[in-house]
Each structure stands twice: as structure tokens, then as C-alpha cells.
Amino acid sequence: MRARYRHQLTRDDVGSRVSIRRWIEDEERGVRPSDVVGRLVAWDDRDVLTVRTRRAGQVEVDVVDILSSRVVPEHPTFPPE
């Protein structure tokens, strides 16, 4: 079963695992979409989200650059057999 897709995160999602597709400016390729997946650790008053990722550490994402976003559900925990 797939998670229902949400196009907008809310401040209530701080602490959740999220997936964000956003625009970034790349010097070599120009403006292009890029994905960030990690834990949403902060959402400040300037509408800048801070996401902690495994690879890049902390990434700041401005809300105006977000194309789509969703909360990623936790992996299910199965009881031992």
C-alpha cells in the first residue's frame, strides 16, 4: 500500500520523515529539480525548512522553491515469527 501523497507539508510535520522535490540552481546545468529526503527538523518564521539527511547533513529548503512534498511513512515493524 502506498502512502497518500501530500503536496504541502505543514508545521505540524516537524519531526517527521519527509520527501521534498524542489528547484535548485546548478551552475553547470541551470535551474533544475532535485529531491531531498530526510527528517524535517525545523520550520522557521521565514518559511525556510531544515531537513537532516544522511548524505548532505542539514539542507535548508525555501518554501517558494518546493514543487511537491509529502510525509514518508515509517517502515512497518513486523512481529517476530
Protein backbone atom coordinates (compact mmCIF):
# COMPACT_ATOMS: atom_id res chain seq x y z
CA MET A 1 0.00 0.00 0.00
CA ARG A 2 1.40 3.39 -0.97
CA ALA A 3 1.20 6.47 1.19
CA ARG A 4 -1.24 9.16 0.16
CA TYR A 5 0.67 11.99 -1.48
CA ARG A 6 0.56 15.46 0.07
CA HIS A 7 1.60 18.43 -1.97
CA GLN A 8 2.11 20.66 1.05
CA LEU A 9 3.84 19.95 4.31
CA THR A 10 2.64 21.79 7.41
CA ARG A 11 4.44 22.99 10.52
CA ASP A 12 2.85 20.03 12.34
CA ASP A 13 5.09 17.73 10.26
CA VAL A 14 8.27 18.88 12.04
CA GLY A 15 9.90 15.70 13.37
CA SER A 16 8.53 13.54 10.54
CA ARG A 17 10.46 11.89 7.73
CA VAL A 18 9.73 13.85 4.53
CA SER A 19 10.37 13.83 0.80
CA ILE A 20 10.63 17.20 -0.95
CA ARG A 21 11.04 17.90 -4.67
CA ARG A 22 12.41 21.42 -5.16
CA TRP A 23 14.06 23.74 -7.64
CA ILE A 24 17.80 24.28 -7.25
CA GLU A 25 20.20 26.47 -9.17
CA ASP A 26 23.10 24.47 -10.61
CA GLU A 27 25.99 26.44 -12.14
CA GLU A 28 26.60 23.76 -14.79
CA ARG A 29 23.01 22.78 -15.66
CA GLY A 30 21.00 25.85 -14.69
CA VAL A 31 17.78 25.61 -12.68
CA ARG A 32 16.64 22.01 -12.25
CA PRO A 33 14.52 19.88 -9.90
CA SER A 34 16.19 17.99 -7.06
CA ASP A 35 14.93 15.69 -4.29
CA VAL A 36 15.61 15.89 -0.56
CA VAL A 37 14.64 13.01 1.74
CA GLY A 38 15.23 13.18 5.47
CA ARG A 39 13.87 14.28 8.84
CA LEU A 40 12.18 17.70 8.95
CA VAL A 41 13.87 19.25 11.99
CA ALA A 42 12.77 22.90 11.78
CA TRP A 43 10.45 25.33 10.02
CA ASP A 44 11.35 28.95 10.79
CA ASP A 45 9.38 32.21 10.53
CA ARG A 46 10.92 33.00 7.11
CA ASP A 47 9.33 29.77 5.72
CA VAL A 48 12.67 28.01 5.43
CA LEU A 49 12.62 24.30 6.24
CA THR A 50 15.63 22.50 7.67
CA VAL A 51 15.90 18.84 6.68
CA ARG A 52 18.52 16.49 8.15
CA THR A 53 19.66 13.95 5.54
CA ARG A 54 22.06 11.04 5.75
CA ARG A 55 24.31 12.21 2.92
CA ALA A 56 24.29 16.01 2.96
CA GLY A 57 23.81 16.68 6.66
CA GLN A 58 21.42 19.60 7.06
CA VAL A 59 19.73 21.09 3.99
CA GLU A 60 17.71 24.30 4.02
CA VAL A 61 14.73 24.48 1.66
CA ASP A 62 12.80 27.69 0.98
CA VAL A 63 9.06 27.05 0.70
CA VAL A 64 8.85 29.02 -2.58
CA ASP A 65 11.24 26.51 -4.21
CA ILE A 66 9.12 23.43 -3.35
CA LEU A 67 7.45 21.66 -6.28
CA SER A 68 5.87 18.90 -4.19
CA SER A 69 6.28 17.38 -0.77
CA ARG A 70 4.98 14.57 1.38
CA VAL A 71 5.44 12.82 4.68
CA VAL A 72 7.14 9.44 4.23
CA PRO A 73 5.56 6.80 6.46
CA GLU A 74 7.83 4.88 8.80
CA HIS A 75 8.73 1.34 7.78
CA PRO A 76 6.33 -1.14 9.31
CA THR A 77 7.62 -3.27 12.13
CA PHE A 78 6.61 -6.89 11.83
CA PRO A 79 6.32 -9.14 14.88
CA PRO A 80 8.87 -11.96 15.04
CA GLU A 81 7.68 -15.27 13.61
